[in-house]
Amino acid sequence: MVDHVHFERELTLLKSDVSKMLFLVSESLNDAIESLETMNETLARKVLESDDMIDELNREIEEKAYQIIARYNPILKQLRYIITILKFSNDLERIGDLSCNIAEKCLFLSKEKVKFEMLKELKDMFGSTLKVVQDAFKAFVEEDVDLAFRLWKFDDVIDEMEKKIRKIVVERIKEGNISAELALVYILIARDLERMGDHANNLCEEVIYIETGKNMKEFLRGVESGNEGADS
């Protein structure tokens, strides 16, 4: 039988660790974007160094989650909750990895002495992706289901931005207005940002499940019936 007092206390501590990971990933993402915009190699290296801390915290969260499962043998609903926390942590870790990818582009461009011109469309995508990811973090911290759902519906916008950048880059290649190295960097950065958007979308689904106990299919049925977010 589950000792509810100790079980809830350990779940609270687990969520606290996830919040710490949120802070590290948020800082890493901000630094990665700034490093590329300003071609700041020191900041780019800071992002790469912080990745070890993010990975270690993710491992600690996984270990604690498995210990909770082994110690308390939670019922199915509680087990799904813990597994969702694990998924959330893994999505955070992937956003951290993608931030490293962006920081590495800064170091590559600097090493190859490639002049980096920030496309307006890429700058717009930076801003949109950063906002979506940070708002997904906010939805988790503030347990805000409405915010998570609004962000979840925004995913297609990020996807369209990535497609638009690819199209612009291809046109510039045809016109001879861009080097092969820079064209590849633009496309890879846009792809990394689009993947961040996908992980932010996952985070929103996970927030909705953590707070309502409903997967997206169930939650959307509730939205259609005017009963969104309510417990069944």
Protein backbone atom coordinates (compact mmCIF):
# COMPACT_ATOMS: atom_id res chain seq x y z
CA MET A 1 0.00 0.00 0.00
CA VAL A 2 1.28 3.46 -0.93
CA ASP A 3 2.36 5.72 1.95
CA HIS A 4 0.64 8.78 0.50
CA VAL A 5 2.40 11.39 2.65
CA HIS A 6 5.92 10.22 1.78
CA PHE A 7 4.92 9.43 -1.81
CA GLU A 8 3.59 12.95 -2.41
CA ARG A 9 6.66 14.45 -0.74
CA GLU A 10 8.99 12.55 -3.06
CA LEU A 11 6.92 13.54 -6.10
CA THR A 12 7.21 17.18 -5.03
CA LEU A 13 10.99 16.81 -4.76
CA LEU A 14 11.05 15.17 -8.19
CA LYS A 15 9.16 18.10 -9.72
CA SER A 16 11.56 20.46 -7.96
CA ASP A 17 14.49 18.76 -9.71
CA VAL A 18 12.68 19.18 -13.03
CA SER A 19 12.28 22.88 -12.25
CA LYS A 20 16.05 23.14 -11.70
CA MET A 21 16.58 21.46 -15.05
CA LEU A 22 14.15 23.95 -16.61
CA PHE A 23 16.32 26.83 -15.41
CA LEU A 24 19.52 25.30 -16.80
CA VAL A 25 17.98 24.51 -20.18
CA SER A 26 16.39 27.95 -20.44
CA GLU A 27 19.73 29.63 -19.71
CA SER A 28 21.49 27.36 -22.21
CA LEU A 29 18.97 28.15 -24.96
CA ASN A 30 19.23 31.89 -24.35
CA ASP A 31 23.03 31.74 -24.40
CA ALA A 32 23.08 29.61 -27.57
CA ILE A 33 20.92 32.06 -29.49
CA GLU A 34 22.89 35.05 -28.22
CA SER A 35 26.21 33.37 -29.08
CA LEU A 36 25.15 33.01 -32.70
CA GLU A 37 23.61 36.45 -32.99
CA THR A 38 26.77 38.10 -31.59
CA MET A 39 29.32 35.48 -32.71
CA ASN A 40 30.43 35.15 -29.09
CA GLU A 41 32.68 32.08 -28.85
CA THR A 42 32.98 32.31 -25.06
CA LEU A 43 29.21 32.11 -24.69
CA ALA A 44 29.04 29.22 -27.16
CA ARG A 45 31.59 27.26 -25.12
CA LYS A 46 29.61 27.98 -21.94
CA VAL A 47 26.58 26.32 -23.58
CA LEU A 48 28.60 23.21 -24.44
CA GLU A 49 30.02 23.00 -20.91
CA SER A 50 26.58 23.33 -19.30
CA ASP A 51 25.31 20.32 -21.27
CA ASP A 52 27.05 17.91 -18.88
CA MET A 53 25.14 19.40 -15.93
CA ILE A 54 21.84 19.07 -17.81
CA ASP A 55 22.58 15.45 -18.74
CA GLU A 56 23.57 14.62 -15.15
CA LEU A 57 20.41 16.18 -13.73
CA ASN A 58 18.34 14.22 -16.24
CA ARG A 59 20.01 11.01 -15.07
CA GLU A 60 19.32 11.91 -11.43
CA ILE A 61 15.65 12.55 -12.20
CA GLU A 62 15.39 9.18 -13.95
CA GLU A 63 17.06 7.41 -11.03
CA LYS A 64 14.81 9.08 -8.45
CA ALA A 65 11.71 8.30 -10.52
CA TYR A 66 12.61 4.61 -10.74
CA GLN A 67 13.34 4.54 -7.00
CA ILE A 68 9.89 6.00 -6.29
CA ILE A 69 8.28 3.35 -8.50
CA ALA A 70 10.24 0.54 -6.81
CA ARG A 71 9.63 1.86 -3.28
CA TYR A 72 5.92 2.65 -3.48
CA ASN A 73 4.63 0.37 -6.24
CA PRO A 74 2.19 3.11 -7.36
CA ILE A 75 -1.18 2.39 -8.92
CA LEU A 76 -1.59 2.83 -12.69
CA LYS A 77 -2.66 6.49 -12.56
CA GLN A 78 0.28 7.41 -10.32
CA LEU A 79 2.66 5.39 -12.48
CA ARG A 80 1.54 7.25 -15.62
CA TYR A 81 2.15 10.54 -13.81
CA ILE A 82 5.73 9.56 -12.96
CA ILE A 83 6.39 8.32 -16.49
CA THR A 84 5.10 11.64 -17.83
CA ILE A 85 7.54 13.49 -15.56
CA LEU A 86 10.30 11.33 -17.08
CA LYS A 87 9.17 12.20 -20.60
CA PHE A 88 9.16 15.88 -19.66
CA SER A 89 12.72 15.61 -18.36
CA ASN A 90 13.85 13.83 -21.53
CA ASP A 91 12.30 16.52 -23.73
CA LEU A 92 14.17 19.14 -21.70
CA GLU A 93 17.41 17.22 -22.21
CA ARG A 94 16.83 17.17 -25.98
CA ILE A 95 16.24 20.94 -26.02
CA GLY A 96 19.57 21.26 -24.22
CA ASP A 97 21.23 19.11 -26.90
CA LEU A 98 19.72 21.25 -29.66
CA SER A 99 20.99 24.38 -27.91
CA CYS A 100 24.46 22.84 -28.11
CA ASN A 101 23.97 22.29 -31.83
CA ILE A 102 23.31 26.01 -32.27
CA ALA A 103 26.34 26.95 -30.15
CA GLU A 104 28.48 24.63 -32.29
CA LYS A 105 27.35 26.53 -35.40
CA CYS A 106 28.79 29.69 -33.84
CA LEU A 107 32.15 27.99 -33.26
CA PHE A 108 32.15 26.50 -36.78
CA LEU A 109 31.45 29.84 -38.45
CA SER A 110 34.13 31.53 -36.37
CA LYS A 111 36.73 28.83 -37.09
CA GLU A 112 36.00 28.84 -40.84
CA LYS A 113 35.87 32.65 -40.82
CA VAL A 114 32.47 32.58 -42.55
CA LYS A 115 30.72 35.95 -42.37
CA PHE A 116 27.37 35.34 -40.68
CA GLU A 117 24.46 37.48 -41.75
CA MET A 118 21.33 36.94 -39.67
CA LEU A 119 18.35 36.40 -41.97
CA LYS A 120 15.30 38.36 -40.82
CA GLU A 121 13.24 35.17 -41.10
CA LEU A 122 15.76 33.27 -38.97
CA LYS A 123 15.77 36.01 -36.35
CA ASP A 124 11.95 35.82 -36.29
CA MET A 125 12.16 32.04 -35.85
CA PHE A 126 14.66 32.47 -33.00
CA GLY A 127 12.22 34.78 -31.24
CA SER A 128 9.17 32.57 -31.79
CA THR A 129 10.94 29.36 -30.75
CA LEU A 130 12.42 30.96 -27.65
CA LYS A 131 9.01 32.27 -26.60
CA VAL A 132 7.26 28.94 -27.18
CA VAL A 133 9.88 26.99 -25.23
CA GLN A 134 9.98 29.45 -22.34
CA ASP A 135 6.19 29.64 -22.20
CA ALA A 136 6.06 25.84 -22.09
CA PHE A 137 8.42 26.04 -19.11
CA LYS A 138 6.12 28.65 -17.55
CA ALA A 139 3.09 26.40 -18.08
CA PHE A 140 4.87 23.64 -16.14
CA VAL A 141 5.99 25.87 -13.26
CA GLU A 142 2.60 27.61 -12.95
CA GLU A 143 0.59 24.43 -13.67
CA ASP A 144 -1.22 26.40 -16.40
CA VAL A 145 -3.23 24.05 -18.61
CA ASP A 146 -4.77 26.86 -20.68
CA LEU A 147 -1.32 28.22 -21.59
CA ALA A 148 -0.07 24.73 -22.44
CA PHE A 149 -3.02 24.18 -24.77
CA ARG A 150 -2.56 27.55 -26.52
CA LEU A 151 1.10 26.75 -27.11
CA TRP A 152 0.29 23.24 -28.32
CA LYS A 153 -1.82 24.74 -31.11
CA PHE A 154 1.11 27.02 -32.11
CA ASP A 155 3.36 24.17 -33.30
CA ASP A 156 2.38 24.49 -36.98
CA VAL A 157 3.60 28.11 -37.00
CA ILE A 158 7.16 27.03 -36.13
CA ASP A 159 7.01 24.30 -38.78
CA GLU A 160 5.99 26.82 -41.44
CA MET A 161 8.83 29.15 -40.44
CA GLU A 162 11.33 26.34 -40.98
CA LYS A 163 9.90 25.58 -44.44
CA LYS A 164 10.03 29.27 -45.37
CA ILE A 165 13.70 29.57 -44.40
CA ARG A 166 14.61 26.48 -46.42
CA LYS A 167 12.83 27.97 -49.44
CA ILE A 168 14.62 31.32 -49.07
CA VAL A 169 18.02 29.61 -48.73
CA VAL A 170 17.44 27.47 -51.83
CA GLU A 171 16.50 30.59 -53.80
CA ARG A 172 19.66 32.36 -52.64
CA ILE A 173 21.79 29.38 -53.66
CA LYS A 174 20.24 29.45 -57.15
CA GLU A 175 20.93 33.18 -57.39
CA GLY A 176 24.53 32.71 -56.23
CA ASN A 177 23.99 35.06 -53.28
CA ILE A 178 25.09 32.69 -50.52
CA SER A 179 28.03 30.36 -49.84
CA ALA A 180 27.49 26.63 -49.47
CA GLU A 181 28.76 26.73 -45.86
CA LEU A 182 26.38 29.48 -44.83
CA ALA A 183 23.44 27.89 -46.65
CA LEU A 184 24.00 24.64 -44.75
CA VAL A 185 24.25 26.50 -41.43
CA TYR A 186 20.96 28.32 -42.07
CA ILE A 187 19.16 25.08 -42.90
CA LEU A 188 20.60 23.19 -39.91
CA ILE A 189 19.78 26.00 -37.48
CA ALA A 190 16.20 26.19 -38.77
CA ARG A 191 15.91 22.41 -38.40
CA ASP A 192 17.21 22.57 -34.81
CA LEU A 193 14.71 25.31 -33.96
CA GLU A 194 11.88 23.32 -35.54
CA ARG A 195 12.85 20.31 -33.43
CA MET A 196 12.89 22.49 -30.33
CA GLY A 197 9.34 23.49 -31.25
CA ASP A 198 8.41 19.81 -31.45
CA HIS A 199 9.85 19.15 -27.99
CA ALA A 200 8.07 22.23 -26.61
CA ASN A 201 4.88 20.77 -28.09
CA ASN A 202 5.59 17.52 -26.23
CA LEU A 203 6.14 19.51 -23.02
CA CYS A 204 2.71 21.08 -23.42
CA GLU A 205 1.07 17.67 -23.85
CA GLU A 206 2.91 16.48 -20.75
CA VAL A 207 1.81 19.51 -18.70
CA ILE A 208 -1.79 18.83 -19.73
CA TYR A 209 -1.48 15.19 -18.68
CA ILE A 210 0.26 16.00 -15.38
CA GLU A 211 -2.40 18.54 -14.42
CA THR A 212 -5.55 16.87 -15.81
CA GLY A 213 -4.71 13.17 -16.06
CA LYS A 214 -5.83 13.27 -19.72
CA ASN A 215 -3.88 12.51 -22.86
CA MET A 216 -4.34 14.92 -25.78
CA LYS A 217 -7.05 12.83 -27.44
CA GLU A 218 -9.11 12.84 -24.24
CA PHE A 219 -8.36 16.49 -23.56
CA LEU A 220 -9.43 17.55 -27.07
CA ARG A 221 -12.72 15.70 -26.62
CA GLY A 222 -13.21 17.78 -23.48
CA VAL A 223 -12.43 20.96 -25.42
CA GLU A 224 -15.00 20.07 -28.07
CA SER A 225 -17.63 19.45 -25.41
CA GLY A 226 -16.80 22.71 -23.61
CA ASN A 227 -15.32 20.87 -20.65
CA GLU A 228 -11.60 21.31 -21.30
CA GLY A 229 -9.21 20.41 -18.54
CA ALA A 230 -11.89 19.10 -16.20
CA ASP A 231 -11.33 15.75 -14.55
CA SER A 232 -13.39 12.92 -15.93
